Amino acid sequence: MKLRILIRSALVLLVAVLLIAPLACHRGTQEAAQQYYCPMHPDYHSDKPGDCPICGMRLVPVEKKKEEKPAPSAQAQAAGRKILFYRNPMNPAITSPVPAKDEMGMDYVPVYSDELKGPVPGVVPEHAPVEVAGEGVRLAGVQTAVAERRPLTRTTRAAGVVMPDETRVRRVQTKISGWVEKLYVNSTGQLVRAGQPLLSLYSPELLASQEEFLRAKEAAARFSQSSLPEVRRGGDDLLAAARRRLELFDVPQSTIARLERTGTAQRTVTLTAPVSGYVTGKEIFEGQQVQPGMDLLTVTDLSRVWVEADFFEYESRDLRLGARASVALPYDPGAKLTGRVAFIYPTVDPQTRTLKARIEFSNPGLALKPGMYVDVTPDLGTREGVVIPDSAVIDTGVRQVVFVQKGDSFEPRDVRIGERADGQAVVLSGVTAGERSHLE
């Protein structure tokens, strides 16, 4: 009986051991297989929970799916390959220094150091080349252009305003008081010629000066009969002084000659136009009293005019005195006039941040009228260098990038761009002549 009980107990114990041992073994194996990693440093793994020795962040357990498929960094370390960065599988221009997912939940693709065919000057850091097969290039309609070393003529276009040449503006004034007896120019805008009568002025002072001139002439005639040289010279000096007084009052030479010829003083004196031009200002009427220094008429010569144009600060550095410039007329695009930069203003407009330049033009046929808007195109000179289309440059505000074709891929390059003109740009560094770049 005791033997039977002993055998039965042994069998129960054996069954219990057979059932419990696999569970304990499985639990031990599962606990031993549990791995932990740092979220900020995915390359660091540990078989125990705790803190990351690099950044101090709490380690996170590795999920089962990560156990089934080791992380790319672990694979890379196992194979002795170094991961440089990760890139978006749908947009290679987007990269990340750590593993990440895009909006669709797709894992970023690791880029290994041995995938880059050696260091390439100008390659944008942390940006991978975009690989496109020949058929993909054709289907996507990708356009490229070859960088060429050639001269680039720099030009720019600015809006200008036609203005009168200030050196050709004359104001008609009188140096004596009087009254306007007659106006020969009665309207603004009238064309006058040099020497043409403008107005007749009655002035008691002018009338007295004419009488004085006639008395001096008679005295000089009497003194000329004297045997004393001093007396004869005194008569001539008196006549010259009377003539000089009339000239200082702006009495025309024709009026003085007629006064000398006829010997009769005239009640009014006719003032003539000092230059040829258009009457751009009229401040008097017939019968009006005038005073010395008063503006009577303004005559402007428009055979030469100024064009004042505003240029941005980055354009103004290339402007120079004497440079050629052309203007196009808005109402006649086929007509072009050529002039020279005569003056560059020394200050920048604080509101528009532009610099004003003055350009002088001949004005045949009065094609340029004051107040007219024109398009100004100055010649900024020629620059020799590697030239690419301006559309190939991606300007982010911080850097300038160009995608250069290398076989079936387009690799990004950091470049420095110089002058731009006519849809072209000079590359200072990053692209060499003969390389083909992608056009946007």
Protein backbone atom coordinates (compact mmCIF):
# COMPACT_ATOMS: atom_id res chain seq x y z
CA MET A 1 0.00 0.00 0.00
CA LYS A 2 2.75 2.48 0.91
CA LEU A 3 4.60 1.65 -2.25
CA ARG A 4 1.49 2.36 -4.34
CA ILE A 5 0.99 5.75 -2.65
CA LEU A 6 4.66 6.61 -3.16
CA ILE A 7 4.49 5.75 -6.87
CA ARG A 8 1.32 7.79 -7.33
CA SER A 9 2.93 10.87 -5.67
CA ALA A 10 5.98 10.55 -7.88
CA LEU A 11 3.81 10.50 -10.99
CA VAL A 12 1.90 13.65 -9.88
CA LEU A 13 5.17 15.45 -9.17
CA LEU A 14 6.58 14.45 -12.58
CA VAL A 15 3.47 15.76 -14.37
CA ALA A 16 3.69 19.07 -12.50
CA VAL A 17 7.34 19.45 -13.42
CA LEU A 18 6.61 18.73 -17.07
CA LEU A 19 3.85 21.37 -17.16
CA ILE A 20 5.56 24.16 -15.21
CA ALA A 21 9.10 23.86 -16.61
CA PRO A 22 8.22 24.92 -20.22
CA LEU A 23 6.28 27.92 -18.95
CA ALA A 24 9.17 29.07 -16.79
CA CYS A 25 11.62 28.48 -19.59
CA HIS A 26 9.45 30.44 -22.01
CA ARG A 27 9.10 33.30 -19.53
CA GLY A 28 12.84 33.39 -18.95
CA THR A 29 13.55 33.35 -22.64
CA GLN A 30 11.02 36.16 -23.26
CA GLU A 31 12.49 38.29 -20.48
CA ALA A 32 16.01 37.66 -21.76
CA ALA A 33 14.99 38.65 -25.30
CA GLN A 34 13.45 41.97 -24.22
CA GLN A 35 15.56 44.90 -25.55
CA TYR A 36 15.46 48.61 -24.75
CA TYR A 37 16.57 51.62 -26.88
CA CYS A 38 16.87 55.40 -26.57
CA PRO A 39 14.29 57.42 -28.58
CA MET A 40 16.88 60.13 -29.24
CA HIS A 41 19.72 57.71 -30.06
CA PRO A 42 18.14 54.69 -31.80
CA ASP A 43 21.58 53.14 -32.31
CA TYR A 44 21.94 52.53 -28.56
CA HIS A 45 20.38 49.23 -27.29
CA SER A 46 20.33 47.59 -23.87
CA ASP A 47 18.88 44.38 -22.44
CA LYS A 48 17.98 46.15 -19.18
CA PRO A 49 15.68 49.10 -18.47
CA GLY A 50 17.23 52.35 -17.35
CA ASP A 51 18.51 55.70 -18.68
CA CYS A 52 20.43 56.46 -21.83
CA PRO A 53 24.12 57.11 -20.98
CA ILE A 54 24.33 59.68 -23.79
CA CYS A 55 21.40 62.01 -23.10
CA GLY A 56 19.91 60.60 -19.87
CA MET A 57 16.48 59.88 -21.41
CA ARG A 58 14.49 56.87 -20.16
CA LEU A 59 14.99 53.79 -22.35
CA VAL A 60 11.93 52.50 -24.21
CA PRO A 61 11.15 48.77 -24.73
CA VAL A 62 11.59 47.52 -28.25
CA GLU A 63 8.26 46.48 -29.72
CA LYS A 64 7.71 42.97 -31.06
CA LYS A 65 7.67 44.16 -34.69
CA LYS A 66 11.00 45.81 -34.16
CA GLU A 67 12.33 42.49 -32.80
CA GLU A 68 11.14 40.71 -35.90
CA LYS A 69 12.77 43.31 -38.16
CA PRO A 70 15.91 44.86 -36.73
CA ALA A 71 16.23 48.63 -37.04
CA PRO A 72 18.13 49.94 -40.05
CA SER A 73 20.78 51.35 -37.74
CA ALA A 74 21.37 47.92 -36.18
CA GLN A 75 21.58 46.36 -39.62
CA ALA A 76 24.02 49.01 -40.67
CA GLN A 77 26.19 48.47 -37.60
CA ALA A 78 26.09 44.72 -38.12
CA ALA A 79 27.24 45.14 -41.71
CA GLY A 80 29.83 47.81 -40.82
CA ARG A 81 27.97 50.53 -42.80
CA LYS A 82 27.45 54.08 -41.51
CA ILE A 83 24.11 55.85 -41.87
CA LEU A 84 24.51 59.51 -42.79
CA PHE A 85 20.85 60.54 -42.61
CA TYR A 86 17.31 59.46 -43.51
CA ARG A 87 15.24 60.79 -46.40
CA ASN A 88 11.57 60.90 -47.24
CA PRO A 89 10.79 58.14 -49.77
CA MET A 90 8.21 60.35 -51.52
CA ASN A 91 10.22 63.61 -51.42
CA PRO A 92 14.01 63.08 -51.29
CA ALA A 93 14.51 66.78 -50.61
CA ILE A 94 13.12 66.21 -47.07
CA THR A 95 15.66 64.57 -44.74
CA SER A 96 16.03 63.77 -41.05
CA PRO A 97 19.06 62.96 -38.89
CA VAL A 98 17.01 60.29 -37.01
CA PRO A 99 14.48 57.66 -38.16
CA ALA A 100 11.06 59.17 -38.84
CA LYS A 101 7.79 58.65 -40.68
CA ASP A 102 6.09 60.81 -43.31
CA GLU A 103 2.45 61.89 -43.36
CA MET A 104 1.40 58.57 -44.90
CA GLY A 105 3.14 56.52 -42.20
CA MET A 106 6.00 55.39 -44.45
CA ASP A 107 9.43 54.97 -42.85
CA TYR A 108 12.22 57.27 -43.97
CA VAL A 109 14.86 55.50 -46.08
CA PRO A 110 18.39 55.41 -44.61
CA VAL A 111 21.22 56.82 -46.74
CA TYR A 112 24.54 55.06 -46.16
CA SER A 113 27.99 56.54 -46.50
CA ASP A 114 29.05 53.99 -49.12
CA GLU A 115 26.12 54.98 -51.36
CA LEU A 116 27.71 58.38 -52.08
CA LYS A 117 30.40 58.05 -54.69
CA GLY A 118 33.05 60.03 -52.85
CA PRO A 119 32.90 63.66 -51.70
CA VAL A 120 31.47 65.97 -54.32
CA PRO A 121 32.31 69.71 -53.96
CA GLY A 122 29.19 71.82 -53.47
CA VAL A 123 26.87 68.94 -52.50
CA VAL A 124 24.26 70.20 -50.05
CA PRO A 125 24.80 68.55 -46.63
CA GLU A 126 22.09 66.12 -45.52
CA HIS A 127 20.44 66.19 -48.97
CA ALA A 128 20.54 63.08 -51.12
CA PRO A 129 20.58 62.90 -54.91
CA VAL A 130 17.28 62.31 -56.68
CA GLU A 131 17.49 59.17 -58.82
CA VAL A 132 15.39 59.20 -61.98
CA ALA A 133 15.70 56.67 -64.79
CA GLY A 134 15.94 57.78 -68.39
CA GLU A 135 12.32 56.87 -69.11
CA GLY A 136 11.23 58.66 -65.93
CA VAL A 137 13.04 61.82 -67.05
CA ARG A 138 11.18 61.74 -70.34
CA LEU A 139 7.79 61.05 -68.81
CA ALA A 140 8.23 63.74 -66.16
CA GLY A 141 9.17 66.32 -68.78
CA VAL A 142 12.42 67.21 -66.99
CA GLN A 143 14.41 69.89 -68.80
CA THR A 144 18.12 70.53 -68.40
CA ALA A 145 20.63 73.07 -69.65
CA VAL A 146 24.42 73.03 -69.95
CA ALA A 147 26.47 75.56 -67.97
CA GLU A 148 28.57 77.63 -70.37
CA ARG A 149 31.45 80.00 -69.84
CA ARG A 150 30.62 83.16 -71.76
CA PRO A 151 30.12 86.91 -71.26
CA LEU A 152 26.83 88.12 -69.79
CA THR A 153 25.67 91.67 -70.54
CA ARG A 154 23.99 93.04 -67.46
CA THR A 155 20.93 95.20 -67.89
CA THR A 156 18.01 96.25 -65.78
CA ARG A 157 14.78 98.12 -66.35
CA ALA A 158 13.36 100.95 -64.28
CA ALA A 159 10.50 103.41 -64.53
CA GLY A 160 11.57 106.97 -65.27
CA VAL A 161 9.92 110.38 -65.40
CA VAL A 162 10.78 112.98 -68.04
CA MET A 163 11.75 116.34 -66.57
CA PRO A 164 12.96 119.64 -68.09
CA ASP A 165 16.69 120.25 -68.10
CA GLU A 166 17.07 122.69 -65.22
CA THR A 167 20.07 124.32 -66.92
CA ARG A 168 17.80 125.28 -69.85
CA VAL A 169 15.05 126.98 -67.85
CA ARG A 170 15.06 130.82 -67.97
CA ARG A 171 12.87 133.19 -65.99
CA VAL A 172 12.11 136.58 -67.53
CA GLN A 173 12.28 139.30 -64.87
CA THR A 174 12.73 143.06 -64.79
CA LYS A 175 15.21 145.05 -62.74
CA ILE A 176 13.04 148.13 -62.60
CA SER A 177 9.43 148.86 -61.75
CA GLY A 178 6.87 149.73 -64.42
CA TRP A 179 3.66 148.73 -66.15
CA VAL A 180 3.00 146.14 -68.86
CA GLU A 181 1.74 148.07 -71.87
CA LYS A 182 1.46 145.11 -74.26
CA LEU A 183 1.94 141.33 -74.10
CA TYR A 184 3.18 139.57 -77.23
CA VAL A 185 3.03 136.15 -75.51
CA ASN A 186 -0.43 135.63 -74.08
CA SER A 187 -0.61 131.90 -73.30
CA THR A 188 1.33 129.16 -71.55
CA GLY A 189 2.88 126.58 -73.86
CA GLN A 190 3.55 129.03 -76.68
CA LEU A 191 6.78 128.48 -78.60
CA VAL A 192 9.13 131.48 -78.74
CA ARG A 193 12.47 132.08 -80.44
CA ALA A 194 15.50 133.80 -78.98
CA GLY A 195 15.15 137.59 -79.58
CA GLN A 196 11.38 137.41 -80.15
CA PRO A 197 9.42 140.26 -78.42
CA LEU A 198 7.74 139.20 -75.19
CA LEU A 199 6.24 142.39 -73.75
CA SER A 200 6.40 146.21 -73.88
CA LEU A 201 7.14 147.87 -70.54
CA TYR A 202 6.58 151.48 -69.56
CA SER A 203 8.95 152.63 -66.84
CA PRO A 204 9.64 156.22 -65.82
CA GLU A 205 13.11 155.15 -64.75
CA LEU A 206 13.83 153.66 -68.17
CA LEU A 207 12.54 156.78 -69.86
CA ALA A 208 14.85 158.92 -67.71
CA SER A 209 17.78 156.63 -68.53
CA GLN A 210 17.12 157.10 -72.26
CA GLU A 211 17.11 160.88 -71.85
CA GLU A 212 20.35 160.65 -69.91
CA PHE A 213 21.89 158.63 -72.73
CA LEU A 214 20.85 161.26 -75.31
CA ARG A 215 22.32 164.10 -73.16
CA ALA A 216 25.56 162.13 -72.76
CA LYS A 217 25.72 161.62 -76.51
CA GLU A 218 25.34 165.38 -77.15
CA ALA A 219 27.99 166.17 -74.53
CA ALA A 220 30.41 163.68 -76.05
CA ALA A 221 29.88 165.28 -79.45
CA ARG A 222 30.76 168.75 -78.04
CA PHE A 223 33.73 167.49 -76.03
CA SER A 224 35.12 165.79 -79.13
CA GLN A 225 35.92 169.27 -80.56
CA SER A 226 38.16 170.10 -77.62
CA SER A 227 41.92 170.22 -78.05
CA LEU A 228 42.44 168.66 -74.64
CA PRO A 229 42.62 164.87 -74.66
CA GLU A 230 41.27 164.69 -71.11
CA VAL A 231 38.10 166.52 -72.14
CA ARG A 232 37.52 164.31 -75.16
CA ARG A 233 38.10 161.19 -73.07
CA GLY A 234 35.69 162.47 -70.41
CA GLY A 235 32.91 162.87 -72.99
CA ASP A 236 33.46 159.33 -74.26
CA ASP A 237 33.42 157.94 -70.70
CA LEU A 238 30.15 159.74 -69.95
CA LEU A 239 28.49 158.24 -73.05
CA ALA A 240 29.80 154.76 -72.24
CA ALA A 241 28.43 155.00 -68.70
CA ALA A 242 24.97 156.01 -69.97
CA ARG A 243 25.01 153.10 -72.44
CA ARG A 244 26.11 150.70 -69.73
CA ARG A 245 23.21 151.80 -67.51
CA LEU A 246 20.69 150.90 -70.23
CA GLU A 247 22.34 147.51 -70.77
CA LEU A 248 22.19 146.74 -67.05
CA PHE A 249 18.45 147.38 -67.20
CA ASP A 250 18.24 144.63 -69.90
CA VAL A 251 17.36 147.09 -72.66
CA PRO A 252 17.91 145.23 -75.95
CA GLN A 253 20.82 146.32 -78.15
CA SER A 254 18.38 146.95 -81.00
CA THR A 255 16.55 149.50 -78.84
CA ILE A 256 19.79 151.25 -77.88
CA ALA A 257 20.90 151.37 -81.52
CA ARG A 258 17.58 152.88 -82.60
CA LEU A 259 17.76 155.41 -79.75
CA GLU A 260 21.24 156.40 -80.86
CA ARG A 261 20.16 156.63 -84.48
CA THR A 262 16.91 158.58 -84.02
CA GLY A 263 17.86 160.65 -80.99
CA THR A 264 14.33 160.24 -79.56
CA ALA A 265 13.49 158.46 -76.30
CA GLN A 266 10.75 155.83 -76.49
CA ARG A 267 7.91 155.72 -74.01
CA THR A 268 8.00 151.89 -73.73
CA VAL A 269 10.82 149.40 -73.99
CA THR A 270 10.25 145.98 -75.58
CA LEU A 271 11.79 142.99 -73.72
CA THR A 272 12.80 139.98 -75.86
CA ALA A 273 13.14 136.24 -75.20
CA PRO A 274 16.60 135.33 -73.87
CA VAL A 275 16.46 131.77 -75.31
CA SER A 276 14.31 129.67 -77.60
CA GLY A 277 11.79 127.39 -75.95
CA TYR A 278 8.28 127.00 -74.66
CA VAL A 279 6.52 129.31 -72.25
CA THR A 280 6.00 127.10 -69.21
CA GLY A 281 5.06 129.87 -66.79
CA LYS A 282 3.10 133.16 -67.15
CA GLU A 283 2.53 135.42 -64.16
CA ILE A 284 1.51 138.76 -65.77
CA PHE A 285 -1.27 140.37 -67.77
CA GLU A 286 -1.54 143.56 -69.81
CA GLY A 287 -1.78 146.68 -67.66
CA GLN A 288 -0.27 144.98 -64.62
CA GLN A 289 2.34 146.76 -62.54
CA VAL A 290 5.56 144.86 -62.06
CA GLN A 291 8.34 145.19 -59.53
CA PRO A 292 12.05 144.33 -59.67
CA GLY A 293 12.69 140.58 -59.16
CA MET A 294 9.14 139.57 -60.05
CA ASP A 295 8.76 136.47 -62.29
CA LEU A 296 7.10 137.60 -65.51
CA LEU A 297 7.49 134.58 -67.82
CA THR A 298 9.32 131.23 -67.74
CA VAL A 299 10.86 129.95 -70.98
CA THR A 300 12.05 126.32 -71.09
CA ASP A 301 14.26 124.84 -73.80
CA LEU A 302 13.11 121.23 -74.36
CA SER A 303 15.64 120.31 -77.04
CA ARG A 304 17.40 118.32 -74.28
CA VAL A 305 15.60 116.80 -71.28
CA TRP A 306 16.33 114.80 -68.16
CA VAL A 307 14.92 111.42 -67.22
CA GLU A 308 15.02 110.58 -63.53
CA ALA A 309 14.73 106.85 -62.77
CA ASP A 310 14.63 104.93 -59.47
CA PHE A 311 16.88 101.88 -59.07
CA PHE A 312 16.93 99.35 -56.25
CA GLU A 313 19.96 99.26 -53.98
CA TYR A 314 21.39 96.05 -55.46
CA GLU A 315 21.13 97.56 -58.95
CA SER A 316 22.57 100.95 -58.07
CA ARG A 317 26.00 99.53 -57.25
CA ASP A 318 26.56 98.84 -60.95
CA LEU A 319 25.48 102.29 -62.14
CA ARG A 320 28.29 104.57 -63.26
CA LEU A 321 28.56 108.06 -64.67
CA GLY A 322 28.71 108.19 -68.45
CA ALA A 323 27.09 104.76 -68.92
CA ARG A 324 24.79 104.41 -71.92
CA ALA A 325 21.08 104.14 -71.29
CA SER A 326 18.06 103.81 -73.56
CA VAL A 327 14.41 104.68 -73.09
CA ALA A 328 11.35 103.08 -74.65
CA LEU A 329 8.22 105.16 -75.12
CA PRO A 330 4.99 103.64 -73.79
CA TYR A 331 2.96 104.87 -76.76
CA ASP A 332 5.59 103.84 -79.34
CA PRO A 333 7.52 100.70 -78.27
CA GLY A 334 9.47 100.70 -81.51
CA ALA A 335 11.06 104.10 -80.85
CA LYS A 336 14.17 104.16 -78.68
CA LEU A 337 16.35 107.08 -77.63
CA THR A 338 19.88 106.79 -76.28
CA GLY A 339 21.42 108.96 -73.59
CA ARG A 340 24.06 109.01 -70.85
CA VAL A 341 23.92 108.78 -67.06
CA ALA A 342 24.80 112.33 -66.00
CA PHE A 343 24.28 112.23 -62.23
CA ILE A 344 23.65 109.69 -59.47
CA TYR A 345 22.03 111.07 -56.34
CA PRO A 346 24.07 110.45 -53.16
CA THR A 347 21.13 109.42 -50.94
CA VAL A 348 18.58 106.58 -50.90
CA ASP A 349 14.87 107.27 -50.59
CA PRO A 350 13.98 105.90 -47.12
CA GLN A 351 10.40 105.06 -48.17
CA THR A 352 10.99 103.24 -51.47
CA ARG A 353 14.57 102.11 -50.73
CA THR A 354 15.63 103.21 -54.20
CA LEU A 355 18.41 105.40 -55.56
CA LYS A 356 17.63 108.05 -58.13
CA ALA A 357 19.77 108.57 -61.24
CA ARG A 358 19.56 111.34 -63.82
CA ILE A 359 19.98 110.55 -67.50
CA GLU A 360 20.30 113.19 -70.24
CA PHE A 361 18.66 112.71 -73.64
CA SER A 362 18.45 114.70 -76.82
CA ASN A 363 14.82 115.36 -77.64
CA PRO A 364 14.34 115.61 -81.40
CA GLY A 365 10.77 116.30 -82.41
CA LEU A 366 9.79 116.74 -78.75
CA ALA A 367 9.30 112.96 -78.40
CA LEU A 368 9.97 113.17 -74.66
CA LYS A 369 7.55 115.49 -72.92
CA PRO A 370 7.94 116.57 -69.28
CA GLY A 371 5.83 114.45 -66.93
CA MET A 372 5.83 111.41 -69.24
CA TYR A 373 6.63 107.95 -67.88
CA VAL A 374 9.20 105.91 -69.81
CA ASP A 375 11.03 102.60 -69.43
CA VAL A 376 14.75 103.12 -68.77
CA THR A 377 17.30 100.41 -69.58
CA PRO A 378 20.87 101.30 -68.53
CA ASP A 379 23.94 99.35 -69.59
CA LEU A 380 25.50 97.84 -66.45
CA GLY A 381 28.51 96.35 -68.21
CA THR A 382 29.55 92.80 -69.15
CA ARG A 383 30.64 90.01 -66.80
CA GLU A 384 32.58 86.89 -67.88
CA GLY A 385 31.80 83.63 -66.06
CA VAL A 386 29.92 80.33 -65.95
CA VAL A 387 26.35 81.12 -67.00
CA ILE A 388 23.25 79.01 -66.32
CA PRO A 389 19.53 79.76 -66.75
CA ASP A 390 18.12 81.73 -63.86
CA SER A 391 15.24 79.22 -63.56
CA ALA A 392 17.73 76.50 -62.51
CA VAL A 393 18.47 78.29 -59.24
CA ILE A 394 16.35 77.46 -56.16
CA ASP A 395 16.70 80.42 -53.82
CA THR A 396 15.51 79.55 -50.30
CA GLY A 397 16.55 82.88 -48.81
CA VAL A 398 19.30 81.17 -46.78
CA ARG A 399 21.02 79.24 -49.54
CA GLN A 400 20.97 78.88 -53.31
CA VAL A 401 20.71 75.33 -54.67
CA VAL A 402 21.09 73.89 -58.17
CA PHE A 403 20.34 70.25 -59.09
CA VAL A 404 23.14 68.93 -61.33
CA GLN A 405 22.58 65.85 -63.48
CA LYS A 406 24.95 62.95 -62.81
CA GLY A 407 23.97 59.95 -64.90
CA ASP A 408 20.49 58.86 -63.80
CA SER A 409 20.41 61.11 -60.74
CA PHE A 410 20.25 64.80 -59.90
CA GLU A 411 22.42 65.86 -56.99
CA PRO A 412 21.85 69.14 -55.13
CA ARG A 413 24.68 71.67 -55.08
CA ASP A 414 25.19 74.72 -52.92
CA VAL A 415 26.07 77.58 -55.29
CA ARG A 416 26.82 81.28 -55.14
CA ILE A 417 25.07 83.39 -57.76
CA GLY A 418 26.39 86.70 -59.02
CA GLU A 419 24.82 88.97 -61.60
CA ARG A 420 21.54 88.10 -63.30
CA ALA A 421 20.31 89.41 -66.62
CA ASP A 422 17.92 88.36 -69.41
CA GLY A 423 16.93 85.14 -67.63
CA GLN A 424 20.56 84.09 -67.10
CA ALA A 425 22.75 84.02 -63.98
CA VAL A 426 26.51 83.95 -63.38
CA VAL A 427 27.62 81.11 -61.05
CA LEU A 428 30.51 82.14 -58.82
CA SER A 429 31.00 78.67 -57.30
CA GLY A 430 29.37 75.24 -57.12
CA VAL A 431 28.91 74.46 -60.84
CA THR A 432 31.56 74.19 -63.53
CA ALA A 433 31.31 74.71 -67.26
CA GLY A 434 29.92 71.69 -69.11
CA GLU A 435 27.74 70.38 -66.28
CA ARG A 436 24.04 70.03 -66.93
CA SER A 437 21.55 71.49 -64.48
CA HIS A 438 17.83 70.91 -63.98
CA LEU A 439 15.38 73.66 -65.02
CA GLU A 440 12.34 74.46 -62.91
